[in-house]
Amino acid sequence: MPQETPSPNTDRFDDDDYPAYTMGRAAEMIGTTPGFLRAVGEARLITPLRSEGGHRRYSRYQLRIAARARELVDGGTPIEAACRIVILEDQLEEALRINEELRRSPAEAGGSTAP
């Protein structure tokens, strides 16, 4: 039986970076207000894409980042500091992921890093 090729529209919903959510829906999903999303945008934590009509659109990745900032703000952290903390956490996670990939690469290639 031939394998079905997923449609490009279906693939977008699986894409963490696809801006699928309007501001109202995004705020509802993370339990906040549109004003909070605007504030984290002004703090440059996330930069939503714009629809052809100029409306903000958010991805799942951006919503996870905004939700983390909301947790910190709810705990009493000023929004600017919360945004900086989230940026640093995200950078650390990426660096750890890259380090892990680099550690695995020589072993997967069957090579050794020793001269």
C-alpha atoms as a PDB file:
ATOM      1  CA  MET A   1       0.000   0.000   0.000  1.00  0.00           C
ATOM      2  CA  PRO A   2       1.508   3.381  -0.975  1.00  0.00           C
ATOM      3  CA  GLN A   3       2.448   5.688   1.843  1.00  0.00           C
ATOM      4  CA  GLU A   4       0.384   8.874   2.040  1.00  0.00           C
ATOM      5  CA  THR A   5       2.226  12.142   1.749  1.00  0.00           C
ATOM      6  CA  PRO A   6       1.101  14.571   4.452  1.00  0.00           C
ATOM      7  CA  SER A   7      -0.316  17.796   3.112  1.00  0.00           C
ATOM      8  CA  PRO A   8       1.699  20.966   3.726  1.00  0.00           C
ATOM      9  CA  ASN A   9      -1.145  22.320   5.873  1.00  0.00           C
ATOM     10  CA  THR A  10      -1.036  19.280   8.183  1.00  0.00           C
ATOM     11  CA  ASP A  11       2.737  19.590   8.574  1.00  0.00           C
ATOM     12  CA  ARG A  12       2.332  23.166   9.781  1.00  0.00           C
ATOM     13  CA  PHE A  13       0.326  22.069  12.803  1.00  0.00           C
ATOM     14  CA  ASP A  14       3.184  19.773  13.813  1.00  0.00           C
ATOM     15  CA  ASP A  15       5.681  22.626  13.415  1.00  0.00           C
ATOM     16  CA  ASP A  16       6.543  24.240  16.768  1.00  0.00           C
ATOM     17  CA  ASP A  17       7.481  27.472  15.004  1.00  0.00           C
ATOM     18  CA  TYR A  18       4.379  27.857  12.832  1.00  0.00           C
ATOM     19  CA  PRO A  19       2.421  30.956  13.947  1.00  0.00           C
ATOM     20  CA  ALA A  20      -0.947  29.240  14.263  1.00  0.00           C
ATOM     21  CA  TYR A  21      -2.537  31.147  17.146  1.00  0.00           C
ATOM     22  CA  THR A  22      -4.175  34.556  17.298  1.00  0.00           C
ATOM     23  CA  MET A  23      -3.450  36.819  20.229  1.00  0.00           C
ATOM     24  CA  GLY A  24      -6.780  36.075  21.903  1.00  0.00           C
ATOM     25  CA  ARG A  25      -6.427  32.320  21.530  1.00  0.00           C
ATOM     26  CA  ALA A  26      -2.772  32.430  22.611  1.00  0.00           C
ATOM     27  CA  ALA A  27      -3.631  34.411  25.759  1.00  0.00           C
ATOM     28  CA  GLU A  28      -6.436  31.979  26.550  1.00  0.00           C
ATOM     29  CA  MET A  29      -4.156  28.960  26.083  1.00  0.00           C
ATOM     30  CA  ILE A  30      -1.578  30.174  28.604  1.00  0.00           C
ATOM     31  CA  GLY A  31      -4.089  31.741  30.988  1.00  0.00           C
ATOM     32  CA  THR A  32      -3.103  35.358  30.594  1.00  0.00           C
ATOM     33  CA  THR A  33      -4.275  38.529  28.862  1.00  0.00           C
ATOM     34  CA  PRO A  34      -3.455  39.970  25.460  1.00  0.00           C
ATOM     35  CA  GLY A  35      -1.810  42.828  27.375  1.00  0.00           C
ATOM     36  CA  PHE A  36       0.682  40.394  28.895  1.00  0.00           C
ATOM     37  CA  LEU A  37       1.556  39.057  25.439  1.00  0.00           C
ATOM     38  CA  ARG A  38       2.072  42.624  24.214  1.00  0.00           C
ATOM     39  CA  ALA A  39       4.297  43.307  27.243  1.00  0.00           C
ATOM     40  CA  VAL A  40       6.560  40.303  26.634  1.00  0.00           C
ATOM     41  CA  GLY A  41       6.734  41.383  22.996  1.00  0.00           C
ATOM     42  CA  GLU A  42       7.794  44.884  24.037  1.00  0.00           C
ATOM     43  CA  ALA A  43      10.421  43.311  26.317  1.00  0.00           C
ATOM     44  CA  ARG A  44      11.641  41.432  23.210  1.00  0.00           C
ATOM     45  CA  LEU A  45      11.122  38.008  24.728  1.00  0.00           C
ATOM     46  CA  ILE A  46       9.030  36.931  21.750  1.00  0.00           C
ATOM     47  CA  THR A  47       8.322  38.590  18.425  1.00  0.00           C
ATOM     48  CA  PRO A  48       5.040  37.397  16.984  1.00  0.00           C
ATOM     49  CA  LEU A  49       4.647  37.208  13.254  1.00  0.00           C
ATOM     50  CA  ARG A  50       1.922  39.262  11.644  1.00  0.00           C
ATOM     51  CA  SER A  51      -0.920  38.034   9.483  1.00  0.00           C
ATOM     52  CA  GLU A  52      -1.633  39.720   6.157  1.00  0.00           C
ATOM     53  CA  GLY A  53      -4.132  41.875   8.038  1.00  0.00           C
ATOM     54  CA  GLY A  54      -1.476  42.904  10.592  1.00  0.00           C
ATOM     55  CA  HIS A  55      -2.707  40.763  13.480  1.00  0.00           C
ATOM     56  CA  ARG A  56      -0.208  39.104  15.814  1.00  0.00           C
ATOM     57  CA  ARG A  57       0.200  35.335  15.399  1.00  0.00           C
ATOM     58  CA  TYR A  58       2.012  33.082  17.885  1.00  0.00           C
ATOM     59  CA  SER A  59       3.692  29.689  17.608  1.00  0.00           C
ATOM     60  CA  ARG A  60       3.614  26.906  20.201  1.00  0.00           C
ATOM     61  CA  TYR A  61       7.276  27.585  20.966  1.00  0.00           C
ATOM     62  CA  GLN A  62       6.517  31.259  21.640  1.00  0.00           C
ATOM     63  CA  LEU A  63       3.613  30.272  23.874  1.00  0.00           C
ATOM     64  CA  ARG A  64       5.850  27.991  25.963  1.00  0.00           C
ATOM     65  CA  ILE A  65       8.311  30.860  26.381  1.00  0.00           C
ATOM     66  CA  ALA A  66       5.538  33.312  27.318  1.00  0.00           C
ATOM     67  CA  ALA A  67       4.022  30.797  29.751  1.00  0.00           C
ATOM     68  CA  ARG A  68       7.369  30.440  31.528  1.00  0.00           C
ATOM     69  CA  ALA A  69       7.641  34.229  31.827  1.00  0.00           C
ATOM     70  CA  ARG A  70       4.117  34.310  33.238  1.00  0.00           C
ATOM     71  CA  GLU A  71       5.090  31.769  35.919  1.00  0.00           C
ATOM     72  CA  LEU A  72       7.941  34.013  37.010  1.00  0.00           C
ATOM     73  CA  VAL A  73       5.812  37.167  36.972  1.00  0.00           C
ATOM     74  CA  ASP A  74       3.099  35.394  38.969  1.00  0.00           C
ATOM     75  CA  GLY A  75       5.825  34.566  41.496  1.00  0.00           C
ATOM     76  CA  GLY A  76       6.670  38.251  41.922  1.00  0.00           C
ATOM     77  CA  THR A  77       9.493  38.710  39.405  1.00  0.00           C
ATOM     78  CA  PRO A  78       9.307  41.997  37.455  1.00  0.00           C
ATOM     79  CA  ILE A  79       8.429  41.370  33.811  1.00  0.00           C
ATOM     80  CA  GLU A  80      11.744  42.680  32.428  1.00  0.00           C
ATOM     81  CA  ALA A  81      13.704  40.405  34.777  1.00  0.00           C
ATOM     82  CA  ALA A  82      11.406  37.454  34.005  1.00  0.00           C
ATOM     83  CA  CYS A  83      12.004  37.926  30.284  1.00  0.00           C
ATOM     84  CA  ARG A  84      15.776  38.038  30.789  1.00  0.00           C
ATOM     85  CA  ILE A  85      15.673  34.886  32.930  1.00  0.00           C
ATOM     86  CA  VAL A  86      13.652  33.040  30.292  1.00  0.00           C
ATOM     87  CA  ILE A  87      16.069  34.118  27.549  1.00  0.00           C
ATOM     88  CA  LEU A  88      19.022  32.844  29.581  1.00  0.00           C
ATOM     89  CA  GLU A  89      17.235  29.562  30.379  1.00  0.00           C
ATOM     90  CA  ASP A  90      16.503  29.071  26.677  1.00  0.00           C
ATOM     91  CA  GLN A  91      20.128  29.803  25.728  1.00  0.00           C
ATOM     92  CA  LEU A  92      21.386  27.360  28.359  1.00  0.00           C
ATOM     93  CA  GLU A  93      19.036  24.630  27.141  1.00  0.00           C
ATOM     94  CA  GLU A  94      20.248  25.116  23.563  1.00  0.00           C
ATOM     95  CA  ALA A  95      23.914  25.053  24.627  1.00  0.00           C
ATOM     96  CA  LEU A  96      23.367  21.837  26.591  1.00  0.00           C
ATOM     97  CA  ARG A  97      21.612  20.262  23.600  1.00  0.00           C
ATOM     98  CA  ILE A  98      24.515  21.203  21.288  1.00  0.00           C
ATOM     99  CA  ASN A  99      27.077  19.865  23.775  1.00  0.00           C
ATOM    100  CA  GLU A 100      25.215  16.567  24.000  1.00  0.00           C
ATOM    101  CA  GLU A 101      25.132  16.283  20.200  1.00  0.00           C
ATOM    102  CA  LEU A 102      28.866  16.973  20.006  1.00  0.00           C
ATOM    103  CA  ARG A 103      29.583  14.337  22.659  1.00  0.00           C
ATOM    104  CA  ARG A 104      27.577  11.736  20.770  1.00  0.00           C
ATOM    105  CA  SER A 105      28.980  12.543  17.308  1.00  0.00           C
ATOM    106  CA  PRO A 106      32.415  10.867  17.719  1.00  0.00           C
ATOM    107  CA  ALA A 107      30.877   7.769  19.317  1.00  0.00           C
ATOM    108  CA  GLU A 108      28.267   7.434  16.573  1.00  0.00           C
ATOM    109  CA  ALA A 109      30.937   7.801  13.895  1.00  0.00           C
ATOM    110  CA  GLY A 110      32.930   5.005  15.540  1.00  0.00           C
ATOM    111  CA  GLY A 111      35.881   7.305  15.864  1.00  0.00           C
ATOM    112  CA  SER A 112      37.895   8.469  18.776  1.00  0.00           C
ATOM    113  CA  THR A 113      38.718  12.001  19.813  1.00  0.00           C
ATOM    114  CA  ALA A 114      42.192  10.909  20.990  1.00  0.00           C
ATOM    115  CA  PRO A 115      45.116  11.597  18.583  1.00  0.00           C
END
